[in-house]
């Protein structure tokens, strides 16, 4: 599959079919991350992989879903993720891990799309609650959570600006995501 096709398939999916993921699939995705670039090659990230129902149940309550769809509380029973990758930053290695976390999350989502899985990067997290639920030591900061599973919703791209709504669902429950035109992305520097 070409990169453009993978990027088109890599949409934020927030509802999932209840097809279980397994540890081997999550480890394959983590292997992709291991190959990614890292700022100053410090490689400060650590990862918690979750696929068993008891693990999933410990993580889900600490995630906040799709603020632009309020008052939607997130996926209900029977449509929740069947896997998570919790991305942690080891502050003993580096206190600046944000870009590494973003690169890792995108690699995970591209790898998931290649396997016909969907996912969603989640940054709106009850950090203290998740830290406690996972029993994390103080030197590991929760950065992002990537929710994964077999997609249970349709997501389509729209031409247009993400204002005033960054995304929405229509009357048929199709999730729409506007994307700015290419002409809006390029900034021309005078006399450059």
C-alpha atoms as a PDB file:
ATOM      1  CA  UNK A   1       0.000   0.000   0.000  1.00  0.00           C
ATOM      2  CA  UNK A   2       1.332   3.438  -0.912  1.00  0.00           C
ATOM      3  CA  UNK A   3       1.850   6.079   1.796  1.00  0.00           C
ATOM      4  CA  UNK A   4      -0.934   8.329   0.454  1.00  0.00           C
ATOM      5  CA  UNK A   5      -3.435   5.471   0.701  1.00  0.00           C
ATOM      6  CA  UNK A   6      -2.293   4.674   4.243  1.00  0.00           C
ATOM      7  CA  UNK A   7      -2.680   8.329   5.237  1.00  0.00           C
ATOM      8  CA  UNK A   8      -6.184   8.434   3.744  1.00  0.00           C
ATOM      9  CA  UNK A   9      -7.091   5.338   5.774  1.00  0.00           C
ATOM     10  CA  UNK A  10      -5.518   6.668   8.974  1.00  0.00           C
ATOM     11  CA  UNK A  11      -8.482   8.568  10.382  1.00  0.00           C
ATOM     12  CA  UNK A  12      -9.344   8.992  14.053  1.00  0.00           C
ATOM     13  CA  UNK A  13     -11.728   6.141  14.742  1.00  0.00           C
ATOM     14  CA  UNK A  14     -13.616   6.343  18.036  1.00  0.00           C
ATOM     15  CA  UNK A  15     -15.969   3.368  17.769  1.00  0.00           C
ATOM     16  CA  UNK A  16     -14.784  -0.164  17.243  1.00  0.00           C
ATOM     17  CA  UNK A  17     -16.075  -3.620  16.415  1.00  0.00           C
ATOM     18  CA  UNK A  18     -15.440  -6.007  19.256  1.00  0.00           C
ATOM     19  CA  UNK A  19     -12.842  -8.110  17.447  1.00  0.00           C
ATOM     20  CA  UNK A  20     -10.109  -8.820  20.004  1.00  0.00           C
ATOM     21  CA  UNK A  21      -6.556  -7.677  19.364  1.00  0.00           C
ATOM     22  CA  UNK A  22      -3.667  -9.772  20.575  1.00  0.00           C
ATOM     23  CA  UNK A  23      -0.286  -9.096  22.074  1.00  0.00           C
ATOM     24  CA  UNK A  24       1.545 -10.124  18.885  1.00  0.00           C
ATOM     25  CA  UNK A  25      -0.213  -7.411  16.833  1.00  0.00           C
ATOM     26  CA  UNK A  26       0.634  -4.728  19.388  1.00  0.00           C
ATOM     27  CA  UNK A  27       4.252  -5.901  19.526  1.00  0.00           C
ATOM     28  CA  UNK A  28       4.424  -5.671  15.695  1.00  0.00           C
ATOM     29  CA  UNK A  29       3.233  -2.052  15.941  1.00  0.00           C
ATOM     30  CA  UNK A  30       5.781  -1.356  18.666  1.00  0.00           C
ATOM     31  CA  UNK A  31       8.522  -2.745  16.420  1.00  0.00           C
ATOM     32  CA  UNK A  32       7.614  -0.048  13.874  1.00  0.00           C
ATOM     33  CA  UNK A  33       8.059   2.612  16.562  1.00  0.00           C
ATOM     34  CA  UNK A  34      11.471   1.220  17.467  1.00  0.00           C
ATOM     35  CA  UNK A  35      12.609   2.112  13.938  1.00  0.00           C
ATOM     36  CA  UNK A  36      11.364   5.727  14.075  1.00  0.00           C
ATOM     37  CA  UNK A  37      13.558   8.794  14.470  1.00  0.00           C
ATOM     38  CA  UNK A  38      14.004  10.272  17.923  1.00  0.00           C
ATOM     39  CA  UNK A  39      15.108  13.802  18.896  1.00  0.00           C
ATOM     40  CA  UNK A  40      18.873  13.663  19.520  1.00  0.00           C
ATOM     41  CA  UNK A  41      18.383   9.865  19.269  1.00  0.00           C
ATOM     42  CA  UNK A  42      17.700   9.797  23.018  1.00  0.00           C
ATOM     43  CA  UNK A  43      14.837   7.278  22.627  1.00  0.00           C
ATOM     44  CA  UNK A  44      13.076   8.260  25.887  1.00  0.00           C
ATOM     45  CA  UNK A  45       9.749   6.550  25.204  1.00  0.00           C
ATOM     46  CA  UNK A  46       8.350   3.511  26.989  1.00  0.00           C
ATOM     47  CA  UNK A  47       5.065   1.791  26.126  1.00  0.00           C
ATOM     48  CA  UNK A  48       2.327  -0.083  27.951  1.00  0.00           C
ATOM     49  CA  UNK A  49       0.498  -2.534  25.667  1.00  0.00           C
ATOM     50  CA  UNK A  50      -3.058  -3.524  26.603  1.00  0.00           C
ATOM     51  CA  UNK A  51      -5.283  -6.072  24.867  1.00  0.00           C
ATOM     52  CA  UNK A  52      -6.904  -8.188  27.603  1.00  0.00           C
ATOM     53  CA  UNK A  53     -10.362  -7.109  28.836  1.00  0.00           C
ATOM     54  CA  UNK A  54      -9.102  -6.465  32.380  1.00  0.00           C
ATOM     55  CA  UNK A  55      -6.330  -4.207  31.028  1.00  0.00           C
ATOM     56  CA  UNK A  56      -8.727  -2.331  28.744  1.00  0.00           C
ATOM     57  CA  UNK A  57     -11.138  -1.751  31.640  1.00  0.00           C
ATOM     58  CA  UNK A  58      -8.363  -0.162  33.730  1.00  0.00           C
ATOM     59  CA  UNK A  59      -7.444   2.332  30.992  1.00  0.00           C
ATOM     60  CA  UNK A  60     -10.797   3.358  29.458  1.00  0.00           C
ATOM     61  CA  UNK A  61     -12.215   5.413  32.394  1.00  0.00           C
ATOM     62  CA  UNK A  62      -9.207   7.752  32.275  1.00  0.00           C
ATOM     63  CA  UNK A  63      -9.675   8.825  28.650  1.00  0.00           C
ATOM     64  CA  UNK A  64     -11.704  11.779  27.362  1.00  0.00           C
ATOM     65  CA  UNK A  65     -13.262  11.364  23.931  1.00  0.00           C
ATOM     66  CA  UNK A  66     -13.991  13.876  21.122  1.00  0.00           C
ATOM     67  CA  UNK A  67     -14.684  17.181  22.856  1.00  0.00           C
ATOM     68  CA  UNK A  68     -16.155  18.605  19.638  1.00  0.00           C
ATOM     69  CA  UNK A  69     -18.898  15.963  19.774  1.00  0.00           C
ATOM     70  CA  UNK A  70     -20.047  16.967  23.270  1.00  0.00           C
ATOM     71  CA  UNK A  71     -22.132  15.819  25.003  1.00  0.00           C
ATOM     72  CA  UNK A  72     -21.043  12.432  23.543  1.00  0.00           C
ATOM     73  CA  UNK A  73     -19.303  10.621  26.431  1.00  0.00           C
ATOM     74  CA  UNK A  74     -17.234   8.343  24.190  1.00  0.00           C
ATOM     75  CA  UNK A  75     -17.725   4.828  22.912  1.00  0.00           C
ATOM     76  CA  UNK A  76     -20.258   2.785  24.826  1.00  0.00           C
ATOM     77  CA  UNK A  77     -20.165  -0.877  25.760  1.00  0.00           C
ATOM     78  CA  UNK A  78     -19.819  -2.930  22.596  1.00  0.00           C
ATOM     79  CA  UNK A  79     -17.956  -0.205  20.656  1.00  0.00           C
ATOM     80  CA  UNK A  80     -14.869   0.429  22.781  1.00  0.00           C
ATOM     81  CA  UNK A  81     -11.245  -0.110  21.692  1.00  0.00           C
ATOM     82  CA  UNK A  82      -9.893  -3.637  21.863  1.00  0.00           C
ATOM     83  CA  UNK A  83      -6.314  -2.480  22.337  1.00  0.00           C
ATOM     84  CA  UNK A  84      -4.306   0.432  23.673  1.00  0.00           C
ATOM     85  CA  UNK A  85      -0.745   1.617  23.461  1.00  0.00           C
ATOM     86  CA  UNK A  86       0.018   3.994  26.328  1.00  0.00           C
ATOM     87  CA  UNK A  87       2.985   6.166  25.380  1.00  0.00           C
ATOM     88  CA  UNK A  88       5.196   7.187  28.297  1.00  0.00           C
ATOM     89  CA  UNK A  89       8.162   9.529  28.493  1.00  0.00           C
ATOM     90  CA  UNK A  90      11.069   8.521  30.706  1.00  0.00           C
ATOM     91  CA  UNK A  91      12.082  11.875  32.214  1.00  0.00           C
ATOM     92  CA  UNK A  92      15.326  10.309  33.453  1.00  0.00           C
ATOM     93  CA  UNK A  93      16.342  10.144  29.775  1.00  0.00           C
ATOM     94  CA  UNK A  94      14.746  13.379  28.500  1.00  0.00           C
ATOM     95  CA  UNK A  95      12.193  15.881  29.768  1.00  0.00           C
ATOM     96  CA  UNK A  96      11.186  16.840  26.203  1.00  0.00           C
ATOM     97  CA  UNK A  97       9.457  13.845  24.617  1.00  0.00           C
ATOM     98  CA  UNK A  98       6.427  15.406  22.914  1.00  0.00           C
ATOM     99  CA  UNK A  99       7.685  15.160  19.341  1.00  0.00           C
ATOM    100  CA  UNK A 100       8.905  11.607  19.854  1.00  0.00           C
ATOM    101  CA  UNK A 101       5.447  10.697  21.192  1.00  0.00           C
ATOM    102  CA  UNK A 102       3.731  12.237  18.159  1.00  0.00           C
ATOM    103  CA  UNK A 103       6.034  10.412  15.725  1.00  0.00           C
ATOM    104  CA  UNK A 104       5.462   7.137  17.593  1.00  0.00           C
ATOM    105  CA  UNK A 105       1.680   7.568  17.650  1.00  0.00           C
ATOM    106  CA  UNK A 106       1.559   8.278  13.908  1.00  0.00           C
ATOM    107  CA  UNK A 107       3.736   5.233  13.166  1.00  0.00           C
ATOM    108  CA  UNK A 108       1.380   3.085  15.269  1.00  0.00           C
ATOM    109  CA  UNK A 109      -1.670   4.443  13.417  1.00  0.00           C
ATOM    110  CA  UNK A 110      -0.074   3.926   9.990  1.00  0.00           C
ATOM    111  CA  UNK A 111       0.871   0.371  10.952  1.00  0.00           C
ATOM    112  CA  UNK A 112      -2.668  -0.195  12.219  1.00  0.00           C
ATOM    113  CA  UNK A 113      -4.145   1.085   8.938  1.00  0.00           C
ATOM    114  CA  UNK A 114      -1.879  -1.288   7.036  1.00  0.00           C
ATOM    115  CA  UNK A 115      -3.447  -4.119   9.083  1.00  0.00           C
ATOM    116  CA  UNK A 116      -6.986  -2.770   8.425  1.00  0.00           C
ATOM    117  CA  UNK A 117      -7.269  -1.557  12.000  1.00  0.00           C
ATOM    118  CA  UNK A 118      -8.383   1.868  13.158  1.00  0.00           C
ATOM    119  CA  UNK A 119      -7.213   4.014  15.984  1.00  0.00           C
ATOM    120  CA  UNK A 120      -7.267   7.343  17.719  1.00  0.00           C
ATOM    121  CA  UNK A 121      -4.558   9.405  19.421  1.00  0.00           C
ATOM    122  CA  UNK A 122      -5.863  10.572  22.763  1.00  0.00           C
ATOM    123  CA  UNK A 123      -4.168  13.404  24.632  1.00  0.00           C
ATOM    124  CA  UNK A 124      -7.116  14.327  26.829  1.00  0.00           C
ATOM    125  CA  UNK A 125      -6.303  12.014  29.717  1.00  0.00           C
ATOM    126  CA  UNK A 126      -6.857  11.902  33.459  1.00  0.00           C
ATOM    127  CA  UNK A 127      -3.093  11.621  33.972  1.00  0.00           C
ATOM    128  CA  UNK A 128      -3.172  11.055  37.730  1.00  0.00           C
ATOM    129  CA  UNK A 129      -5.911   8.440  37.427  1.00  0.00           C
ATOM    130  CA  UNK A 130      -4.180   6.536  34.627  1.00  0.00           C
ATOM    131  CA  UNK A 131      -0.833   6.732  36.422  1.00  0.00           C
ATOM    132  CA  UNK A 132      -2.470   5.208  39.491  1.00  0.00           C
ATOM    133  CA  UNK A 133      -4.391   2.563  37.504  1.00  0.00           C
ATOM    134  CA  UNK A 134      -1.168   1.400  35.855  1.00  0.00           C
ATOM    135  CA  UNK A 135       1.027   1.741  38.949  1.00  0.00           C
ATOM    136  CA  UNK A 136       3.554   3.883  37.080  1.00  0.00           C
ATOM    137  CA  UNK A 137       6.699   5.137  38.794  1.00  0.00           C
ATOM    138  CA  UNK A 138       7.232   8.910  38.993  1.00  0.00           C
ATOM    139  CA  UNK A 139       9.883   9.036  36.258  1.00  0.00           C
ATOM    140  CA  UNK A 140       7.405   7.840  33.602  1.00  0.00           C
ATOM    141  CA  UNK A 141       5.131  10.617  32.320  1.00  0.00           C
ATOM    142  CA  UNK A 142       1.921   9.698  30.479  1.00  0.00           C
ATOM    143  CA  UNK A 143       2.107  11.475  27.095  1.00  0.00           C
ATOM    144  CA  UNK A 144      -0.516   9.946  24.788  1.00  0.00           C
ATOM    145  CA  UNK A 145      -2.768   6.931  24.509  1.00  0.00           C
ATOM    146  CA  UNK A 146      -3.438   5.296  21.152  1.00  0.00           C
ATOM    147  CA  UNK A 147      -6.769   3.453  21.117  1.00  0.00           C
ATOM    148  CA  UNK A 148      -6.921   0.617  18.578  1.00  0.00           C
ATOM    149  CA  UNK A 149      -9.296  -1.915  17.097  1.00  0.00           C
ATOM    150  CA  UNK A 150     -11.291  -2.927  14.059  1.00  0.00           C
ATOM    151  CA  UNK A 151     -13.110   0.243  12.870  1.00  0.00           C
ATOM    152  CA  UNK A 152     -16.778   0.387  13.835  1.00  0.00           C
ATOM    153  CA  UNK A 153     -17.630   3.690  12.168  1.00  0.00           C
ATOM    154  CA  UNK A 154     -17.267   5.430   8.839  1.00  0.00           C
ATOM    155  CA  UNK A 155     -15.030   8.493   8.659  1.00  0.00           C
ATOM    156  CA  UNK A 156     -14.874  10.715   5.562  1.00  0.00           C
ATOM    157  CA  UNK A 157     -12.669  13.655   4.660  1.00  0.00           C
ATOM    158  CA  UNK A 158     -14.235  16.937   3.556  1.00  0.00           C
ATOM    159  CA  UNK A 159     -12.641  19.850   1.741  1.00  0.00           C
ATOM    160  CA  UNK A 160     -12.820  22.927   3.921  1.00  0.00           C
ATOM    161  CA  UNK A 161     -11.710  24.637   7.075  1.00  0.00           C
ATOM    162  CA  UNK A 162     -12.065  23.077  10.509  1.00  0.00           C
ATOM    163  CA  UNK A 163     -13.841  26.184  11.803  1.00  0.00           C
ATOM    164  CA  UNK A 164     -16.233  26.500  13.499  1.00  0.00           C
ATOM    165  CA  UNK A 165     -16.372  22.711  14.000  1.00  0.00           C
ATOM    166  CA  UNK A 166     -13.207  20.603  13.771  1.00  0.00           C
ATOM    167  CA  UNK A 167     -15.322  17.503  12.990  1.00  0.00           C
ATOM    168  CA  UNK A 168     -18.924  16.328  13.238  1.00  0.00           C
ATOM    169  CA  UNK A 169     -21.312  13.428  12.746  1.00  0.00           C
ATOM    170  CA  UNK A 170     -24.190  13.666  10.316  1.00  0.00           C
ATOM    171  CA  UNK A 171     -27.742  12.282  10.670  1.00  0.00           C
ATOM    172  CA  UNK A 172     -26.481   8.885   9.444  1.00  0.00           C
ATOM    173  CA  UNK A 173     -23.749   8.813  12.121  1.00  0.00           C
ATOM    174  CA  UNK A 174     -20.969   9.275   9.539  1.00  0.00           C
ATOM    175  CA  UNK A 175     -18.004  11.126  11.019  1.00  0.00           C
ATOM    176  CA  UNK A 176     -16.847  14.084   8.864  1.00  0.00           C
ATOM    177  CA  UNK A 177     -13.355  15.605   9.078  1.00  0.00           C
ATOM    178  CA  UNK A 178     -12.621  18.838   7.162  1.00  0.00           C
ATOM    179  CA  UNK A 179      -9.145  19.337   5.686  1.00  0.00           C
ATOM    180  CA  UNK A 180      -7.767  22.687   4.582  1.00  0.00           C
ATOM    181  CA  UNK A 181      -6.973  23.116   0.885  1.00  0.00           C
ATOM    182  CA  UNK A 182      -3.360  22.725  -0.190  1.00  0.00           C
ATOM    183  CA  UNK A 183      -3.334  26.405  -1.191  1.00  0.00           C
ATOM    184  CA  UNK A 184      -3.905  27.337   2.478  1.00  0.00           C
ATOM    185  CA  UNK A 185      -0.934  25.329   3.727  1.00  0.00           C
ATOM    186  CA  UNK A 186       1.856  26.944   1.768  1.00  0.00           C
ATOM    187  CA  UNK A 187       3.212  30.220   3.060  1.00  0.00           C
ATOM    188  CA  UNK A 188       5.082  32.302   0.534  1.00  0.00           C
ATOM    189  CA  UNK A 189       7.921  34.366   1.952  1.00  0.00           C
ATOM    190  CA  UNK A 190       8.364  37.658   0.038  1.00  0.00           C
ATOM    191  CA  UNK A 191      11.517  37.739  -2.105  1.00  0.00           C
ATOM    192  CA  UNK A 192      12.426  34.188  -1.109  1.00  0.00           C
END
